[in-house]
N, C-alpha and C. Protein backbone atom coordinates (compact mmCIF):
# COMPACT_ATOMS: atom_id res chain seq x y z
N MET A 1 52.30 81.65 130.62
CA MET A 1 52.47 80.37 131.27
C MET A 1 52.75 79.29 130.22
N ALA A 2 53.68 78.39 130.53
CA ALA A 2 54.09 77.37 129.56
C ALA A 2 53.04 76.28 129.45
N LYS A 3 52.93 75.73 128.24
CA LYS A 3 51.99 74.64 128.01
C LYS A 3 52.78 73.33 127.97
N SER A 4 52.13 72.29 128.42
CA SER A 4 52.80 70.99 128.41
C SER A 4 52.83 70.43 126.99
N LEU A 5 53.65 69.43 126.79
CA LEU A 5 53.76 68.80 125.48
C LEU A 5 52.50 68.02 125.12
N ARG A 6 51.67 67.72 126.11
CA ARG A 6 50.46 66.95 125.84
C ARG A 6 49.25 67.84 125.62
N SER A 7 49.43 69.14 125.62
CA SER A 7 48.28 70.02 125.46
C SER A 7 47.70 69.88 124.07
N LYS A 8 46.39 70.05 123.97
CA LYS A 8 45.67 69.83 122.70
C LYS A 8 46.15 70.80 121.61
N SER A 9 46.39 72.05 121.98
CA SER A 9 46.77 73.02 120.95
C SER A 9 48.15 72.68 120.37
N LYS A 10 49.10 72.29 121.23
CA LYS A 10 50.43 71.95 120.73
C LYS A 10 50.38 70.68 119.88
N ARG A 11 49.58 69.69 120.30
CA ARG A 11 49.46 68.47 119.52
C ARG A 11 48.85 68.75 118.16
N ALA A 12 47.87 69.65 118.12
CA ALA A 12 47.22 69.98 116.85
C ALA A 12 48.21 70.65 115.90
N PHE A 13 49.01 71.59 116.40
CA PHE A 13 49.98 72.27 115.54
C PHE A 13 51.04 71.29 115.02
N ARG A 14 51.49 70.38 115.88
CA ARG A 14 52.47 69.40 115.42
C ARG A 14 51.89 68.48 114.36
N ALA A 15 50.62 68.10 114.53
CA ALA A 15 49.97 67.24 113.54
C ALA A 15 49.85 67.97 112.20
N LYS A 16 49.54 69.26 112.24
CA LYS A 16 49.45 70.04 111.00
C LYS A 16 50.81 70.11 110.31
N LYS A 17 51.86 70.30 111.09
CA LYS A 17 53.20 70.37 110.52
C LYS A 17 53.60 69.04 109.87
N ARG A 18 53.20 67.93 110.50
CA ARG A 18 53.56 66.62 109.95
C ARG A 18 52.78 66.29 108.69
N THR A 19 51.57 66.81 108.56
CA THR A 19 50.72 66.43 107.42
C THR A 19 50.86 67.36 106.22
N SER A 20 51.27 68.60 106.42
CA SER A 20 51.42 69.49 105.26
C SER A 20 52.63 69.02 104.45
N GLU A 21 52.46 68.87 103.15
CA GLU A 21 53.45 68.19 102.31
C GLU A 21 54.72 69.01 102.08
N LYS A 22 54.66 70.31 102.21
CA LYS A 22 55.83 71.14 101.92
C LYS A 22 56.72 71.37 103.14
N SER A 23 56.27 70.99 104.31
CA SER A 23 57.05 71.30 105.50
C SER A 23 58.19 70.29 105.68
N ASP A 24 59.22 70.75 106.37
CA ASP A 24 60.36 69.88 106.67
C ASP A 24 59.95 68.75 107.62
N TYR A 25 58.98 69.04 108.48
CA TYR A 25 58.52 68.04 109.43
C TYR A 25 57.92 66.84 108.71
N CYS A 26 57.17 67.09 107.64
CA CYS A 26 56.56 66.00 106.88
C CYS A 26 57.64 65.15 106.21
N ILE A 27 58.65 65.80 105.66
CA ILE A 27 59.73 65.07 105.00
C ILE A 27 60.47 64.20 106.02
N THR A 28 60.76 64.78 107.18
CA THR A 28 61.46 64.04 108.22
C THR A 28 60.62 62.86 108.71
N GLU A 29 59.32 63.10 108.86
CA GLU A 29 58.42 62.04 109.33
C GLU A 29 58.35 60.88 108.34
N THR A 30 58.28 61.17 107.05
CA THR A 30 58.21 60.09 106.06
C THR A 30 59.52 59.31 106.02
N ARG A 31 60.65 59.99 106.15
CA ARG A 31 61.94 59.29 106.19
C ARG A 31 62.02 58.40 107.42
N ARG A 32 61.55 58.92 108.54
CA ARG A 32 61.57 58.15 109.78
C ARG A 32 60.71 56.89 109.65
N LEU A 33 59.50 57.05 109.10
CA LEU A 33 58.63 55.90 108.93
C LEU A 33 59.23 54.87 107.97
N GLN A 34 59.86 55.35 106.93
CA GLN A 34 60.49 54.45 105.97
C GLN A 34 61.65 53.69 106.62
N ARG A 35 62.45 54.40 107.40
CA ARG A 35 63.58 53.77 108.08
C ARG A 35 63.09 52.71 109.07
N LEU A 36 62.04 53.03 109.82
CA LEU A 36 61.50 52.07 110.78
C LEU A 36 60.93 50.84 110.09
N SER A 37 60.23 51.06 108.98
CA SER A 37 59.65 49.92 108.27
C SER A 37 60.74 49.02 107.69
N GLU A 38 61.83 49.62 107.20
CA GLU A 38 62.94 48.81 106.70
C GLU A 38 63.57 47.98 107.81
N ASN A 39 63.74 48.60 108.99
CA ASN A 39 64.30 47.87 110.13
C ASN A 39 63.39 46.71 110.52
N LEU A 40 62.09 46.97 110.56
CA LEU A 40 61.15 45.91 110.92
C LEU A 40 61.18 44.78 109.89
N GLN A 41 61.28 45.14 108.63
CA GLN A 41 61.32 44.13 107.57
C GLN A 41 62.59 43.28 107.69
N ARG A 42 63.73 43.93 107.99
CA ARG A 42 64.97 43.18 108.17
C ARG A 42 64.87 42.23 109.36
N ASN A 43 64.29 42.72 110.46
CA ASN A 43 64.14 41.87 111.64
C ASN A 43 63.22 40.69 111.36
N LEU A 44 62.16 40.93 110.61
CA LEU A 44 61.23 39.86 110.27
C LEU A 44 61.91 38.81 109.40
N ASP A 45 62.69 39.24 108.42
CA ASP A 45 63.42 38.31 107.57
C ASP A 45 64.42 37.49 108.39
N LYS A 46 65.09 38.17 109.33
CA LYS A 46 66.07 37.50 110.17
C LYS A 46 65.39 36.45 111.05
N GLN A 47 64.22 36.78 111.61
CA GLN A 47 63.49 35.82 112.44
C GLN A 47 63.05 34.62 111.62
N ASN A 48 62.59 34.86 110.40
CA ASN A 48 62.17 33.76 109.55
C ASN A 48 63.35 32.84 109.23
N ASP A 49 64.52 33.42 108.97
CA ASP A 49 65.71 32.62 108.71
C ASP A 49 66.09 31.79 109.94
N ASP A 50 66.03 32.42 111.12
CA ASP A 50 66.37 31.72 112.36
C ASP A 50 65.40 30.57 112.61
N GLU A 51 64.10 30.80 112.38
CA GLU A 51 63.12 29.74 112.59
C GLU A 51 63.36 28.59 111.62
N GLN A 52 63.72 28.90 110.41
CA GLN A 52 64.00 27.85 109.42
C GLN A 52 65.21 27.03 109.85
N LYS A 53 66.25 27.71 110.35
CA LYS A 53 67.44 27.00 110.81
C LYS A 53 67.12 26.14 112.02
N ASP A 54 66.28 26.65 112.94
CA ASP A 54 65.89 25.88 114.12
C ASP A 54 65.13 24.62 113.73
N LYS A 55 64.23 24.74 112.76
CA LYS A 55 63.47 23.57 112.32
C LYS A 55 64.41 22.52 111.73
N ASP A 56 65.35 22.97 110.92
CA ASP A 56 66.31 22.04 110.32
C ASP A 56 67.17 21.39 111.40
N GLY A 57 67.60 22.18 112.38
CA GLY A 57 68.41 21.65 113.47
C GLY A 57 67.64 20.67 114.34
N ASP A 58 66.36 20.94 114.59
CA ASP A 58 65.54 20.04 115.39
C ASP A 58 65.36 18.70 114.69
N GLN A 59 65.16 18.73 113.39
CA GLN A 59 64.98 17.49 112.64
C GLN A 59 66.26 16.66 112.68
N GLU A 60 67.41 17.31 112.59
CA GLU A 60 68.67 16.58 112.66
C GLU A 60 68.88 15.99 114.05
N MET A 61 68.53 16.75 115.09
CA MET A 61 68.69 16.27 116.45
C MET A 61 67.78 15.08 116.72
N LYS A 62 66.56 15.12 116.20
CA LYS A 62 65.64 14.00 116.39
C LYS A 62 66.16 12.75 115.70
N ALA A 63 66.75 12.92 114.54
CA ALA A 63 67.27 11.78 113.80
C ALA A 63 68.48 11.18 114.52
N GLU A 64 69.33 12.01 115.09
CA GLU A 64 70.55 11.52 115.73
C GLU A 64 70.29 10.99 117.14
N GLY A 65 69.57 11.73 117.94
CA GLY A 65 69.45 11.38 119.36
C GLY A 65 68.08 10.91 119.77
N SER A 66 67.38 10.18 118.93
CA SER A 66 66.04 9.74 119.28
C SER A 66 66.07 8.66 120.35
N LYS A 67 67.17 7.90 120.46
CA LYS A 67 67.26 6.82 121.43
C LYS A 67 67.69 7.32 122.80
N GLU A 68 68.43 8.40 122.84
CA GLU A 68 68.98 8.88 124.09
C GLU A 68 68.04 9.88 124.76
N GLU A 69 67.55 9.49 125.93
CA GLU A 69 66.74 10.41 126.73
C GLU A 69 67.27 10.37 128.15
N VAL A 70 67.75 11.49 128.63
CA VAL A 70 68.31 11.56 129.97
C VAL A 70 67.33 12.31 130.85
N SER A 71 66.92 11.67 131.95
CA SER A 71 66.00 12.33 132.87
C SER A 71 66.74 12.59 134.17
N SER A 72 66.69 13.81 134.65
CA SER A 72 67.36 14.16 135.89
C SER A 72 66.35 14.10 137.03
N PRO A 73 66.79 13.74 138.23
CA PRO A 73 65.85 13.66 139.35
C PRO A 73 65.35 15.05 139.73
N LYS A 74 64.12 15.09 140.24
CA LYS A 74 63.55 16.37 140.65
C LYS A 74 64.23 16.86 141.91
N VAL A 75 64.38 18.16 142.00
CA VAL A 75 65.01 18.78 143.16
C VAL A 75 63.92 19.25 144.09
N SER A 76 64.01 18.86 145.35
CA SER A 76 63.01 19.26 146.33
C SER A 76 63.30 20.68 146.81
N THR A 77 62.28 21.50 146.85
CA THR A 77 62.44 22.87 147.35
C THR A 77 61.71 23.06 148.67
N HIS A 78 61.24 21.97 149.26
CA HIS A 78 60.50 22.06 150.52
C HIS A 78 61.49 22.11 151.68
N GLY A 79 61.15 22.85 152.71
CA GLY A 79 61.96 22.88 153.91
C GLY A 79 62.89 24.08 153.95
N PRO A 80 63.73 24.15 154.99
CA PRO A 80 64.64 25.29 155.12
C PRO A 80 65.68 25.29 154.01
N ARG A 81 66.08 26.46 153.61
CA ARG A 81 67.02 26.60 152.50
C ARG A 81 68.47 26.44 152.98
N MET A 82 68.67 26.56 154.27
CA MET A 82 69.98 26.43 154.89
C MET A 82 71.01 27.34 154.24
N SER A 83 70.69 28.61 154.26
CA SER A 83 71.65 29.61 153.81
C SER A 83 72.74 29.72 154.87
N GLY A 84 73.76 30.51 154.60
CA GLY A 84 74.85 30.64 155.55
C GLY A 84 74.40 31.12 156.91
N ARG A 85 73.45 32.02 156.92
CA ARG A 85 72.93 32.55 158.18
C ARG A 85 72.18 31.47 158.94
N GLU A 86 71.36 30.69 158.24
CA GLU A 86 70.60 29.64 158.89
C GLU A 86 71.51 28.54 159.43
N VAL A 87 72.56 28.21 158.71
CA VAL A 87 73.52 27.20 159.17
C VAL A 87 74.20 27.70 160.43
N TRP A 88 74.58 28.95 160.46
CA TRP A 88 75.25 29.52 161.64
C TRP A 88 74.32 29.50 162.84
N LYS A 89 73.04 29.87 162.62
CA LYS A 89 72.09 29.87 163.72
C LYS A 89 71.83 28.46 164.23
N ALA A 90 71.75 27.50 163.31
CA ALA A 90 71.48 26.12 163.71
C ALA A 90 72.65 25.54 164.48
N SER A 91 73.86 26.02 164.23
CA SER A 91 75.03 25.49 164.92
C SER A 91 75.10 25.96 166.37
N LYS A 92 74.43 27.06 166.70
CA LYS A 92 74.44 27.57 168.06
C LYS A 92 73.53 26.70 168.93
N LYS A 93 73.84 26.59 170.20
CA LYS A 93 73.03 25.76 171.09
C LYS A 93 71.73 26.45 171.44
N GLY A 94 70.66 25.70 171.41
CA GLY A 94 69.38 26.21 171.87
C GLY A 94 68.65 27.12 170.90
N VAL A 95 69.20 27.35 169.75
CA VAL A 95 68.54 28.22 168.77
C VAL A 95 67.91 27.33 167.71
N GLN A 96 66.61 27.50 167.52
CA GLN A 96 65.92 26.71 166.51
C GLN A 96 65.51 27.62 165.36
N LEU A 97 65.39 27.02 164.20
CA LEU A 97 64.95 27.79 163.04
C LEU A 97 63.48 28.12 163.20
N ARG A 98 63.13 29.38 162.97
CA ARG A 98 61.75 29.82 163.13
C ARG A 98 61.17 30.19 161.79
N ARG A 99 59.84 30.13 161.74
CA ARG A 99 59.15 30.64 160.56
C ARG A 99 59.12 32.16 160.64
N ALA A 100 58.91 32.78 159.51
CA ALA A 100 58.79 34.23 159.48
C ALA A 100 57.52 34.64 160.23
N PRO A 101 57.57 35.68 161.03
CA PRO A 101 56.38 36.07 161.78
C PRO A 101 55.28 36.57 160.86
N SER A 102 54.07 36.25 161.24
CA SER A 102 52.92 36.68 160.45
C SER A 102 52.59 38.12 160.79
N THR A 103 52.10 38.85 159.82
CA THR A 103 51.74 40.24 160.06
C THR A 103 50.33 40.38 160.60
N THR A 104 49.55 39.31 160.54
CA THR A 104 48.17 39.36 161.00
C THR A 104 48.08 38.75 162.39
N VAL A 105 47.51 39.47 163.33
CA VAL A 105 47.31 38.98 164.68
C VAL A 105 45.86 38.53 164.79
N TRP A 106 45.65 37.23 164.99
CA TRP A 106 44.29 36.70 164.98
C TRP A 106 43.68 36.60 166.37
N HIS A 107 44.44 36.22 167.39
CA HIS A 107 43.87 35.91 168.70
C HIS A 107 44.23 36.96 169.74
N GLN A 108 44.05 38.17 169.41
CA GLN A 108 44.36 39.23 170.36
C GLN A 108 43.23 40.24 170.32
N ARG A 109 42.63 40.48 171.49
CA ARG A 109 41.55 41.46 171.56
C ARG A 109 42.13 42.77 172.03
N SER A 110 41.76 43.81 171.33
CA SER A 110 42.25 45.12 171.67
C SER A 110 41.14 46.12 171.42
N SER A 111 41.10 47.14 172.25
CA SER A 111 40.06 48.15 172.08
C SER A 111 40.47 49.23 171.09
N CYS A 112 41.68 49.14 170.60
CA CYS A 112 42.15 50.17 169.67
C CYS A 112 41.79 49.79 168.23
N LYS A 113 42.32 50.52 167.32
CA LYS A 113 42.04 50.32 165.90
C LYS A 113 42.52 48.93 165.45
N PRO A 114 41.74 48.19 164.69
CA PRO A 114 42.17 46.85 164.28
C PRO A 114 43.34 46.92 163.30
N GLN A 115 44.24 45.94 163.43
CA GLN A 115 45.41 45.91 162.56
C GLN A 115 45.10 45.27 161.22
N ARG A 116 44.11 44.40 161.21
CA ARG A 116 43.78 43.66 160.00
C ARG A 116 42.90 44.49 159.10
N ARG A 117 43.17 44.47 157.81
CA ARG A 117 42.32 45.20 156.86
C ARG A 117 41.05 44.42 156.62
N ARG A 118 39.96 45.12 156.44
CA ARG A 118 38.69 44.44 156.20
C ARG A 118 38.09 44.90 154.93
């Protein structure tokens, strides 16, 4: 019967292969770790450079545009969204926009199993 990749015996054998210094697995593992650390170091240097450029750019922007502040009016999100479907429904006679139906029934007595979770 096949063993999964997470089985303790397979993990133990792989760990032994990675730690023994003469095996190819150990050599590959050290190269992999070195490659990953170099990539991380490059990314860290790049982030530091970007942050330095952003700080310099922010200082220049503050010096140039300190007098100009543009404030836009707030957009109201209350009420119907008036999507294409809602506009079409509202244009029909006698059809009013409804709220979404609630899934909980509060004022209904029934002898069967209750719909509301308790």
